Amino acid sequence: MDKRFTPLSPPEQLMARKQAIEDVLAHPEWTLQQSVLHLKRSMRLTSAEMAKMAGISQKTLLDIEQGRSMGTVQTFNIILCLVGL
């Protein structure tokens, strides 16, 4: 967990995850980069934590976040499956 944030309780984590999912679904025009950044911030995850949860390398996730890679369809599916989409 990022030390700048106080940890969320399990119910708060669930609410944050649900809100993040709703936000991504409400904005189909968002790119993978925008979606990843929003999910990461909403769920208060570091890049390392999100990459580990998704089962992808941190470099892949950072490349997507910084716009150096568009990612593959498989990567997109992995990241969105992380939050239940």
N, C-alpha and C. Protein backbone atom coordinates (compact mmCIF):
# COMPACT_ATOMS: atom_id res chain seq x y z
N MET A 1 0.85 -1.18 0.00
CA MET A 1 0.00 0.00 0.00
C MET A 1 0.89 1.24 0.00
N ASP A 2 0.51 2.21 -0.75
CA ASP A 2 1.23 3.46 -0.80
C ASP A 2 1.15 4.14 0.56
N LYS A 3 2.28 4.54 1.08
CA LYS A 3 2.34 5.10 2.43
C LYS A 3 1.69 6.48 2.55
N ARG A 4 1.38 7.11 1.43
CA ARG A 4 0.74 8.43 1.49
C ARG A 4 -0.73 8.33 1.86
N PHE A 5 -1.28 7.14 1.78
CA PHE A 5 -2.70 6.95 2.07
C PHE A 5 -2.88 6.13 3.33
N THR A 6 -3.92 6.43 4.05
CA THR A 6 -4.27 5.55 5.16
C THR A 6 -4.99 4.35 4.54
N PRO A 7 -4.72 3.17 5.08
CA PRO A 7 -5.35 1.98 4.50
C PRO A 7 -6.88 2.04 4.58
N LEU A 8 -7.51 1.52 3.55
CA LEU A 8 -8.97 1.45 3.54
C LEU A 8 -9.41 0.18 4.23
N SER A 9 -10.54 0.26 4.89
CA SER A 9 -11.13 -0.95 5.49
C SER A 9 -11.67 -1.82 4.35
N PRO A 10 -11.89 -3.11 4.59
CA PRO A 10 -12.43 -3.96 3.51
C PRO A 10 -13.70 -3.43 2.87
N PRO A 11 -14.68 -2.92 3.64
CA PRO A 11 -15.86 -2.36 2.96
C PRO A 11 -15.53 -1.15 2.10
N GLU A 12 -14.59 -0.32 2.57
CA GLU A 12 -14.19 0.84 1.78
C GLU A 12 -13.45 0.42 0.52
N GLN A 13 -12.64 -0.64 0.62
CA GLN A 13 -11.94 -1.16 -0.56
C GLN A 13 -12.95 -1.65 -1.60
N LEU A 14 -13.97 -2.34 -1.14
CA LEU A 14 -15.00 -2.84 -2.04
C LEU A 14 -15.74 -1.68 -2.72
N MET A 15 -16.06 -0.65 -1.95
CA MET A 15 -16.73 0.52 -2.52
C MET A 15 -15.85 1.21 -3.56
N ALA A 16 -14.56 1.35 -3.25
CA ALA A 16 -13.62 2.00 -4.18
C ALA A 16 -13.52 1.19 -5.46
N ARG A 17 -13.47 -0.13 -5.34
CA ARG A 17 -13.38 -0.99 -6.52
C ARG A 17 -14.65 -0.88 -7.37
N LYS A 18 -15.81 -0.90 -6.72
CA LYS A 18 -17.08 -0.77 -7.45
C LYS A 18 -17.16 0.57 -8.17
N GLN A 19 -16.74 1.64 -7.49
CA GLN A 19 -16.78 2.96 -8.10
C GLN A 19 -15.83 3.04 -9.28
N ALA A 20 -14.65 2.44 -9.14
CA ALA A 20 -13.67 2.45 -10.24
C ALA A 20 -14.24 1.72 -11.45
N ILE A 21 -14.90 0.59 -11.23
CA ILE A 21 -15.51 -0.18 -12.32
C ILE A 21 -16.59 0.65 -13.00
N GLU A 22 -17.44 1.29 -12.19
CA GLU A 22 -18.51 2.11 -12.76
C GLU A 22 -17.94 3.27 -13.59
N ASP A 23 -16.87 3.86 -13.10
CA ASP A 23 -16.24 4.97 -13.83
C ASP A 23 -15.71 4.51 -15.19
N VAL A 24 -15.03 3.36 -15.21
CA VAL A 24 -14.48 2.85 -16.47
C VAL A 24 -15.61 2.50 -17.43
N LEU A 25 -16.67 1.87 -16.92
CA LEU A 25 -17.80 1.51 -17.78
C LEU A 25 -18.53 2.74 -18.30
N ALA A 26 -18.54 3.81 -17.52
CA ALA A 26 -19.22 5.04 -17.93
C ALA A 26 -18.44 5.83 -18.97
N HIS A 27 -17.17 5.46 -19.18
CA HIS A 27 -16.31 6.18 -20.13
C HIS A 27 -15.68 5.21 -21.12
N PRO A 28 -16.47 4.68 -22.06
CA PRO A 28 -15.90 3.74 -23.03
C PRO A 28 -14.88 4.39 -23.97
N GLU A 29 -14.85 5.71 -24.00
CA GLU A 29 -13.90 6.40 -24.88
C GLU A 29 -12.49 6.46 -24.27
N TRP A 30 -12.34 6.10 -22.99
CA TRP A 30 -11.03 6.12 -22.36
C TRP A 30 -10.11 5.11 -23.01
N THR A 31 -8.86 5.48 -23.14
CA THR A 31 -7.85 4.55 -23.65
C THR A 31 -7.45 3.61 -22.52
N LEU A 32 -6.66 2.59 -22.87
CA LEU A 32 -6.16 1.67 -21.84
C LEU A 32 -5.33 2.45 -20.82
N GLN A 33 -4.54 3.38 -21.30
CA GLN A 33 -3.71 4.19 -20.41
C GLN A 33 -4.57 4.94 -19.40
N GLN A 34 -5.61 5.61 -19.86
CA GLN A 34 -6.48 6.37 -18.97
C GLN A 34 -7.20 5.44 -17.99
N SER A 35 -7.65 4.30 -18.47
CA SER A 35 -8.35 3.35 -17.62
C SER A 35 -7.43 2.80 -16.53
N VAL A 36 -6.21 2.43 -16.91
CA VAL A 36 -5.25 1.89 -15.94
C VAL A 36 -4.93 2.93 -14.87
N LEU A 37 -4.64 4.14 -15.30
CA LEU A 37 -4.31 5.19 -14.33
C LEU A 37 -5.48 5.45 -13.38
N HIS A 38 -6.69 5.48 -13.91
CA HIS A 38 -7.85 5.71 -13.06
C HIS A 38 -8.06 4.56 -12.08
N LEU A 39 -7.95 3.33 -12.56
CA LEU A 39 -8.12 2.17 -11.68
C LEU A 39 -7.07 2.16 -10.58
N LYS A 40 -5.84 2.44 -10.95
CA LYS A 40 -4.74 2.43 -9.98
C LYS A 40 -4.96 3.49 -8.90
N ARG A 41 -5.31 4.68 -9.32
CA ARG A 41 -5.53 5.76 -8.35
C ARG A 41 -6.77 5.50 -7.50
N SER A 42 -7.84 5.06 -8.12
CA SER A 42 -9.09 4.83 -7.39
C SER A 42 -8.93 3.74 -6.33
N MET A 43 -8.17 2.72 -6.67
CA MET A 43 -8.00 1.60 -5.75
C MET A 43 -6.79 1.78 -4.85
N ARG A 44 -6.11 2.93 -4.98
CA ARG A 44 -4.96 3.27 -4.15
C ARG A 44 -3.86 2.21 -4.21
N LEU A 45 -3.49 1.84 -5.43
CA LEU A 45 -2.45 0.84 -5.64
C LEU A 45 -1.22 1.48 -6.24
N THR A 46 -0.06 0.93 -5.93
CA THR A 46 1.16 1.33 -6.61
C THR A 46 1.22 0.53 -7.91
N SER A 47 2.10 0.92 -8.79
CA SER A 47 2.27 0.17 -10.04
C SER A 47 2.70 -1.26 -9.75
N ALA A 48 3.61 -1.41 -8.79
CA ALA A 48 4.09 -2.75 -8.44
C ALA A 48 2.96 -3.63 -7.91
N GLU A 49 2.10 -3.06 -7.06
CA GLU A 49 0.98 -3.82 -6.50
C GLU A 49 -0.01 -4.21 -7.59
N MET A 50 -0.33 -3.27 -8.46
CA MET A 50 -1.31 -3.56 -9.52
C MET A 50 -0.76 -4.60 -10.49
N ALA A 51 0.51 -4.47 -10.85
CA ALA A 51 1.13 -5.44 -11.76
C ALA A 51 1.13 -6.83 -11.15
N LYS A 52 1.46 -6.91 -9.87
CA LYS A 52 1.49 -8.20 -9.19
C LYS A 52 0.09 -8.82 -9.14
N MET A 53 -0.91 -8.01 -8.82
CA MET A 53 -2.28 -8.50 -8.77
C MET A 53 -2.76 -8.99 -10.13
N ALA A 54 -2.35 -8.29 -11.19
CA ALA A 54 -2.79 -8.64 -12.54
C ALA A 54 -1.97 -9.77 -13.14
N GLY A 55 -0.78 -10.02 -12.57
CA GLY A 55 0.07 -11.07 -13.10
C GLY A 55 0.83 -10.65 -14.35
N ILE A 56 1.12 -9.36 -14.45
CA ILE A 56 1.91 -8.85 -15.57
C ILE A 56 3.16 -8.19 -14.99
N SER A 57 4.13 -7.92 -15.84
CA SER A 57 5.36 -7.30 -15.33
C SER A 57 5.09 -5.82 -15.03
N GLN A 58 5.85 -5.32 -14.08
CA GLN A 58 5.72 -3.91 -13.73
C GLN A 58 6.14 -3.03 -14.90
N LYS A 59 7.11 -3.46 -15.68
CA LYS A 59 7.55 -2.69 -16.85
C LYS A 59 6.41 -2.56 -17.86
N THR A 60 5.68 -3.64 -18.09
CA THR A 60 4.55 -3.59 -19.02
C THR A 60 3.52 -2.57 -18.54
N LEU A 61 3.21 -2.63 -17.25
CA LEU A 61 2.23 -1.70 -16.70
C LEU A 61 2.73 -0.26 -16.78
N LEU A 62 3.99 -0.02 -16.47
CA LEU A 62 4.55 1.32 -16.55
C LEU A 62 4.56 1.84 -17.99
N ASP A 63 4.87 0.96 -18.94
CA ASP A 63 4.85 1.37 -20.35
C ASP A 63 3.44 1.80 -20.76
N ILE A 64 2.43 1.09 -20.30
CA ILE A 64 1.05 1.46 -20.62
C ILE A 64 0.70 2.79 -19.95
N GLU A 65 1.04 2.93 -18.67
CA GLU A 65 0.74 4.16 -17.94
C GLU A 65 1.38 5.38 -18.58
N GLN A 66 2.58 5.22 -19.09
CA GLN A 66 3.32 6.35 -19.64
C GLN A 66 3.09 6.53 -21.14
N GLY A 67 2.23 5.73 -21.73
CA GLY A 67 1.88 5.89 -23.13
C GLY A 67 2.92 5.35 -24.11
N ARG A 68 3.89 4.60 -23.63
CA ARG A 68 4.91 4.04 -24.52
C ARG A 68 4.42 2.76 -25.20
N SER A 69 3.35 2.18 -24.68
CA SER A 69 2.80 0.95 -25.24
C SER A 69 1.28 1.01 -25.18
N MET A 70 0.65 0.49 -26.20
CA MET A 70 -0.80 0.42 -26.19
C MET A 70 -1.27 -0.87 -25.52
N GLY A 71 -0.32 -1.79 -25.29
CA GLY A 71 -0.69 -3.07 -24.70
C GLY A 71 -1.33 -3.97 -25.72
N THR A 72 -1.51 -5.20 -25.35
CA THR A 72 -2.19 -6.15 -26.24
C THR A 72 -3.60 -6.37 -25.73
N VAL A 73 -4.38 -7.03 -26.52
CA VAL A 73 -5.75 -7.36 -26.10
C VAL A 73 -5.70 -8.24 -24.85
N GLN A 74 -4.73 -9.15 -24.80
CA GLN A 74 -4.60 -10.03 -23.63
C GLN A 74 -4.27 -9.22 -22.39
N THR A 75 -3.36 -8.26 -22.51
CA THR A 75 -3.00 -7.42 -21.37
C THR A 75 -4.21 -6.61 -20.92
N PHE A 76 -4.93 -6.06 -21.88
CA PHE A 76 -6.14 -5.29 -21.57
C PHE A 76 -7.13 -6.16 -20.79
N ASN A 77 -7.35 -7.38 -21.26
CA ASN A 77 -8.27 -8.29 -20.57
C ASN A 77 -7.79 -8.63 -19.17
N ILE A 78 -6.50 -8.86 -19.02
CA ILE A 78 -5.94 -9.19 -17.70
C ILE A 78 -6.17 -8.05 -16.72
N ILE A 79 -5.88 -6.85 -17.16
CA ILE A 79 -6.03 -5.69 -16.27
C ILE A 79 -7.48 -5.47 -15.90
N LEU A 80 -8.38 -5.58 -16.86
CA LEU A 80 -9.80 -5.37 -16.55
C LEU A 80 -10.39 -6.53 -15.76
N CYS A 81 -9.88 -7.72 -15.93
CA CYS A 81 -10.33 -8.86 -15.12
C CYS A 81 -9.93 -8.66 -13.66
N LEU A 82 -8.87 -7.91 -13.44
CA LEU A 82 -8.40 -7.61 -12.09
C LEU A 82 -9.52 -6.98 -11.26
N VAL A 83 -10.32 -6.15 -11.89
CA VAL A 83 -11.39 -5.47 -11.17
C VAL A 83 -12.77 -6.06 -11.46
N GLY A 84 -12.81 -7.18 -12.14
CA GLY A 84 -14.07 -7.86 -12.37
C GLY A 84 -14.79 -7.50 -13.64
N LEU A 85 -14.12 -6.89 -14.61
CA LEU A 85 -14.76 -6.57 -15.89
C LEU A 85 -14.43 -7.64 -16.92
